[in-house]
C-alpha atoms as a PDB file:
ATOM      1  CA  MET A   1       0.149  -0.024  -0.063  1.00  0.00           C
ATOM      2  CA  LYS A   2       1.363   3.274  -0.872  1.00  0.00           C
ATOM      3  CA  LEU A   3       1.937   5.704   1.973  1.00  0.00           C
ATOM      4  CA  THR A   4      -0.286   8.476   0.598  1.00  0.00           C
ATOM      5  CA  SER A   5      -3.027   5.894   0.288  1.00  0.00           C
ATOM      6  CA  PHE A   6      -2.705   5.293   4.046  1.00  0.00           C
ATOM      7  CA  ILE A   7      -2.248   8.917   5.155  1.00  0.00           C
ATOM      8  CA  GLY A   8      -5.640   9.564   2.985  1.00  0.00           C
ATOM      9  CA  ALA A   9      -7.379   6.944   4.659  1.00  0.00           C
ATOM     10  CA  ALA A  10      -6.097   8.158   8.104  1.00  0.00           C
ATOM     11  CA  GLY A  11      -7.073  11.465   7.610  1.00  0.00           C
ATOM     12  CA  ILE A  12     -10.755  10.431   6.779  1.00  0.00           C
ATOM     13  CA  ALA A  13     -10.640   8.205   9.859  1.00  0.00           C
ATOM     14  CA  VAL A  14      -9.418  11.566  11.941  1.00  0.00           C
ATOM     15  CA  ALA A  15     -12.548  13.454  10.529  1.00  0.00           C
ATOM     16  CA  LEU A  16     -14.745  10.652  11.572  1.00  0.00           C
ATOM     17  CA  ALA A  17     -13.646  11.195  14.942  1.00  0.00           C
ATOM     18  CA  SER A  18     -16.009  14.365  15.292  1.00  0.00           C
ATOM     19  CA  THR A  19     -18.825  13.574  12.898  1.00  0.00           C
ATOM     20  CA  THR A  20     -21.400  11.162  12.666  1.00  0.00           C
ATOM     21  CA  VAL A  21     -20.808   8.566  10.056  1.00  0.00           C
ATOM     22  CA  SER A  22     -23.072   8.039   7.007  1.00  0.00           C
ATOM     23  CA  ALA A  23     -22.103   5.720   4.117  1.00  0.00           C
ATOM     24  CA  HIS A  24     -23.776   4.147   1.157  1.00  0.00           C
ATOM     25  CA  GLY A  25     -24.690   0.426   1.793  1.00  0.00           C
ATOM     26  CA  PRO A  26     -25.797  -1.912   4.750  1.00  0.00           C
ATOM     27  CA  GLU A  27     -24.811  -0.285   7.959  1.00  0.00           C
ATOM     28  CA  GLN A  28     -22.227  -2.052   9.788  1.00  0.00           C
ATOM     29  CA  LYS A  29     -21.775  -3.029  13.435  1.00  0.00           C
ATOM     30  CA  THR A  30     -18.461  -1.755  14.966  1.00  0.00           C
ATOM     31  CA  VAL A  31     -16.970  -4.478  16.654  1.00  0.00           C
ATOM     32  CA  ILE A  32     -13.506  -3.667  17.589  1.00  0.00           C
ATOM     33  CA  PRO A  33     -11.345  -6.769  18.790  1.00  0.00           C
ATOM     34  CA  VAL A  34      -9.368  -5.164  21.362  1.00  0.00           C
ATOM     35  CA  SER A  35      -7.814  -7.236  24.283  1.00  0.00           C
ATOM     36  CA  GLN A  36      -6.918  -5.001  26.903  1.00  0.00           C
ATOM     37  CA  LYS A  37      -8.010  -5.840  30.350  1.00  0.00           C
ATOM     38  CA  LYS A  38     -10.113  -3.436  32.190  1.00  0.00           C
ATOM     39  CA  GLU A  39      -9.741  -2.302  35.636  1.00  0.00           C
ATOM     40  CA  VAL A  40      -6.165  -3.151  35.848  1.00  0.00           C
ATOM     41  CA  PRO A  41      -5.012  -1.374  39.031  1.00  0.00           C
ATOM     42  CA  GLY A  42      -3.005   1.740  37.596  1.00  0.00           C
ATOM     43  CA  PHE A  43      -4.217   1.510  34.253  1.00  0.00           C
ATOM     44  CA  ASP A  44      -7.349   3.417  33.390  1.00  0.00           C
ATOM     45  CA  GLU A  45      -7.580   4.316  29.569  1.00  0.00           C
ATOM     46  CA  THR A  46     -11.067   4.460  28.007  1.00  0.00           C
ATOM     47  CA  VAL A  47     -11.131   2.968  24.631  1.00  0.00           C
ATOM     48  CA  LYS A  48     -14.407   3.494  22.154  1.00  0.00           C
ATOM     49  CA  PRO A  49     -15.007   2.144  18.648  1.00  0.00           C
ATOM     50  CA  VAL A  50     -15.215   4.994  16.497  1.00  0.00           C
ATOM     51  CA  PHE A  51     -15.444   3.054  12.973  1.00  0.00           C
ATOM     52  CA  GLU A  52     -14.610  -0.001  11.355  1.00  0.00           C
ATOM     53  CA  ARG A  53     -14.729  -0.887   7.497  1.00  0.00           C
ATOM     54  CA  ALA A  54     -13.541  -3.400   5.259  1.00  0.00           C
ATOM     55  CA  ILE A  55     -11.144  -1.359   2.689  1.00  0.00           C
ATOM     56  CA  PRO A  56     -12.548  -2.181  -1.027  1.00  0.00           C
ATOM     57  CA  ASN A  57      -9.755  -1.886  -2.672  1.00  0.00           C
ATOM     58  CA  ILE A  58      -7.214  -3.674  -0.285  1.00  0.00           C
ATOM     59  CA  PRO A  59      -9.028  -6.894  -0.126  1.00  0.00           C
ATOM     60  CA  GLY A  60      -8.493  -8.611   3.429  1.00  0.00           C
ATOM     61  CA  LYS A  61      -7.649  -5.566   5.227  1.00  0.00           C
ATOM     62  CA  ASN A  62      -9.988  -3.293   7.413  1.00  0.00           C
ATOM     63  CA  LEU A  63      -9.753   0.279   8.496  1.00  0.00           C
ATOM     64  CA  ILE A  64     -10.262   0.426  12.507  1.00  0.00           C
ATOM     65  CA  ALA A  65     -10.694   3.726  14.261  1.00  0.00           C
ATOM     66  CA  VAL A  66     -10.698   3.751  18.113  1.00  0.00           C
ATOM     67  CA  GLU A  67     -10.610   6.867  20.670  1.00  0.00           C
ATOM     68  CA  VAL A  68      -8.462   6.112  23.450  1.00  0.00           C
ATOM     69  CA  THR A  69      -8.908   8.774  26.368  1.00  0.00           C
ATOM     70  CA  TYR A  70      -7.076   9.545  29.072  1.00  0.00           C
ATOM     71  CA  PRO A  71      -7.538  10.818  32.649  1.00  0.00           C
ATOM     72  CA  PRO A  72      -4.921  13.340  34.360  1.00  0.00           C
ATOM     73  CA  GLY A  73      -2.159  11.195  34.971  1.00  0.00           C
ATOM     74  CA  GLY A  74      -3.714   7.717  33.064  1.00  0.00           C
ATOM     75  CA  LYS A  75      -1.833   5.320  31.011  1.00  0.00           C
ATOM     76  CA  SER A  76      -2.383   2.287  29.168  1.00  0.00           C
ATOM     77  CA  ALA A  77      -0.674  -1.212  29.899  1.00  0.00           C
ATOM     78  CA  PRO A  78       2.390  -1.833  27.705  1.00  0.00           C
ATOM     79  CA  HIS A  79       1.222  -3.782  24.708  1.00  0.00           C
ATOM     80  CA  LEU A  80       1.777  -5.471  21.486  1.00  0.00           C
ATOM     81  CA  HIS A  81       0.078  -4.853  18.134  1.00  0.00           C
ATOM     82  CA  ALA A  82      -0.946  -7.412  15.589  1.00  0.00           C
ATOM     83  CA  LYS A  83       1.699  -8.245  12.895  1.00  0.00           C
ATOM     84  CA  SER A  84      -0.658  -7.292  10.491  1.00  0.00           C
ATOM     85  CA  ALA A  85      -1.413  -4.015  12.183  1.00  0.00           C
ATOM     86  CA  PHE A  86       0.144  -0.625  10.824  1.00  0.00           C
ATOM     87  CA  VAL A  87      -1.186   2.085  13.330  1.00  0.00           C
ATOM     88  CA  TYR A  88      -1.593   5.932  12.995  1.00  0.00           C
ATOM     89  CA  ALA A  89      -2.169   7.911  16.327  1.00  0.00           C
ATOM     90  CA  HIS A  90      -3.466  11.482  16.307  1.00  0.00           C
ATOM     91  CA  VAL A  91      -3.625  13.481  19.301  1.00  0.00           C
ATOM     92  CA  LEU A  92      -7.047  14.984  20.182  1.00  0.00           C
ATOM     93  CA  SER A  93      -6.895  16.490  23.064  1.00  0.00           C
ATOM     94  CA  GLY A  94      -3.947  17.308  25.567  1.00  0.00           C
ATOM     95  CA  ALA A  95      -0.556  15.680  25.388  1.00  0.00           C
ATOM     96  CA  ILE A  96       0.415  12.128  25.064  1.00  0.00           C
ATOM     97  CA  ARG A  97       3.472  10.625  26.123  1.00  0.00           C
ATOM     98  CA  SER A  98       4.494   7.412  23.918  1.00  0.00           C
ATOM     99  CA  GLN A  99       7.115   5.146  23.687  1.00  0.00           C
ATOM    100  CA  VAL A 100       7.429   2.403  20.523  1.00  0.00           C
ATOM    101  CA  ASP A 101       9.866  -0.241  20.342  1.00  0.00           C
ATOM    102  CA  ALA A 102      13.653   0.909  21.342  1.00  0.00           C
ATOM    103  CA  GLU A 103      12.592   4.619  20.654  1.00  0.00           C
ATOM    104  CA  PRO A 104      12.987   6.947  23.096  1.00  0.00           C
ATOM    105  CA  ALA A 105       9.791   8.404  24.524  1.00  0.00           C
ATOM    106  CA  LYS A 106       8.405  11.307  23.399  1.00  0.00           C
ATOM    107  CA  VAL A 107       5.455  13.850  24.132  1.00  0.00           C
ATOM    108  CA  TYR A 108       3.074  14.574  21.357  1.00  0.00           C
ATOM    109  CA  GLN A 109       0.704  17.843  21.439  1.00  0.00           C
ATOM    110  CA  VAL A 110      -2.670  18.301  19.992  1.00  0.00           C
ATOM    111  CA  GLY A 111      -2.861  17.790  16.449  1.00  0.00           C
ATOM    112  CA  GLU A 112       0.581  15.773  16.132  1.00  0.00           C
ATOM    113  CA  GLY A 113       0.666  12.088  15.448  1.00  0.00           C
ATOM    114  CA  PHE A 114       2.838   9.008  15.355  1.00  0.00           C
ATOM    115  CA  TYR A 115       2.741   5.776  13.370  1.00  0.00           C
ATOM    116  CA  GLU A 116       3.536   2.291  14.880  1.00  0.00           C
ATOM    117  CA  ASN A 117       4.644  -0.644  12.154  1.00  0.00           C
ATOM    118  CA  PRO A 118       3.161  -4.288  12.280  1.00  0.00           C
ATOM    119  CA  GLY A 119       4.108  -6.287  15.712  1.00  0.00           C
ATOM    120  CA  SER A 120       5.400  -2.850  17.387  1.00  0.00           C
ATOM    121  CA  HIS A 121       5.853  -3.053  21.103  1.00  0.00           C
ATOM    122  CA  HIS A 122       3.993  -0.078  22.454  1.00  0.00           C
ATOM    123  CA  ARG A 123       6.091   0.472  25.695  1.00  0.00           C
ATOM    124  CA  ILE A 124       4.772   3.854  27.088  1.00  0.00           C
ATOM    125  CA  SER A 125       1.119   5.370  25.963  1.00  0.00           C
ATOM    126  CA  GLU A 126       0.000   7.820  28.578  1.00  0.00           C
ATOM    127  CA  ASN A 127      -1.396  11.254  29.826  1.00  0.00           C
ATOM    128  CA  ALA A 128       1.763  13.523  29.592  1.00  0.00           C
ATOM    129  CA  SER A 129      -0.451  15.736  32.291  1.00  0.00           C
ATOM    130  CA  ALA A 130      -1.248  15.294  35.792  1.00  0.00           C
ATOM    131  CA  SER A 131      -3.777  17.493  35.716  1.00  0.00           C
ATOM    132  CA  GLU A 132      -5.587  17.891  32.396  1.00  0.00           C
ATOM    133  CA  PRO A 133      -7.112  14.842  30.178  1.00  0.00           C
ATOM    134  CA  ALA A 134      -5.790  13.707  26.815  1.00  0.00           C
ATOM    135  CA  SER A 135      -7.082  11.688  23.935  1.00  0.00           C
ATOM    136  CA  LEU A 136      -5.984  10.102  20.812  1.00  0.00           C
ATOM    137  CA  LEU A 137      -7.595   8.744  17.754  1.00  0.00           C
ATOM    138  CA  ALA A 138      -5.961   5.546  16.918  1.00  0.00           C
ATOM    139  CA  VAL A 139      -6.496   4.070  13.109  1.00  0.00           C
ATOM    140  CA  PHE A 140      -5.411   0.458  12.296  1.00  0.00           C
ATOM    141  CA  VAL A 141      -5.060  -0.939   9.122  1.00  0.00           C
ATOM    142  CA  THR A 142      -4.887  -4.804   9.767  1.00  0.00           C
ATOM    143  CA  ASP A 143      -6.360  -7.917   9.148  1.00  0.00           C
ATOM    144  CA  PRO A 144     -10.039  -8.295  10.292  1.00  0.00           C
ATOM    145  CA  THR A 145      -9.695 -11.248  12.422  1.00  0.00           C
ATOM    146  CA  ASP A 146      -6.655  -9.937  14.457  1.00  0.00           C
ATOM    147  CA  THR A 147      -6.884  -8.861  17.984  1.00  0.00           C
ATOM    148  CA  LEU A 148      -5.858  -4.870  18.138  1.00  0.00           C
ATOM    149  CA  THR A 149      -3.583  -4.995  20.969  1.00  0.00           C
ATOM    150  CA  ILE A 150      -2.040  -7.650  22.788  1.00  0.00           C
ATOM    151  CA  PRO A 151      -1.053  -7.532  26.627  1.00  0.00           C
ATOM    152  CA  GLU A 152       2.839  -7.395  27.076  1.00  0.00           C
ATOM    153  CA  GLN A 153       3.806 -10.569  28.624  1.00  0.00           C
ATOM    154  CA  LYS A 154       6.173 -10.640  31.106  1.00  0.00           C
END
């Protein structure tokens, strides 16, 4: 897939985060295969499905978008992404600290984004503020049967 095609798809998904979706054809129930344990002490993000659709010109791939919201000081447990999943994250509010694989941790502000290659290890994903909430839109291009996030095995 060309990078420009993915960026275009990611841009559409970003727009979907703040709009009502209307599409031609039958409605598709959004069933996001997110495997994250809830009520894990110290990890308190909220993951809300936004959009899921098969990509008609890329057989066997889906475009999935989820909004991840962190309370002040909130964070996600370290996790991996499916070996089929290319991920683009776009900060919607606040500031997000992220570390993927062996790269240094970085803080992303509203309007900034980052990507994760298939099979990436997302070591840190958290709100960079102890006093303000933060949120991001995570857009996945993935195989439809894959789980989006897999808890880190220690």
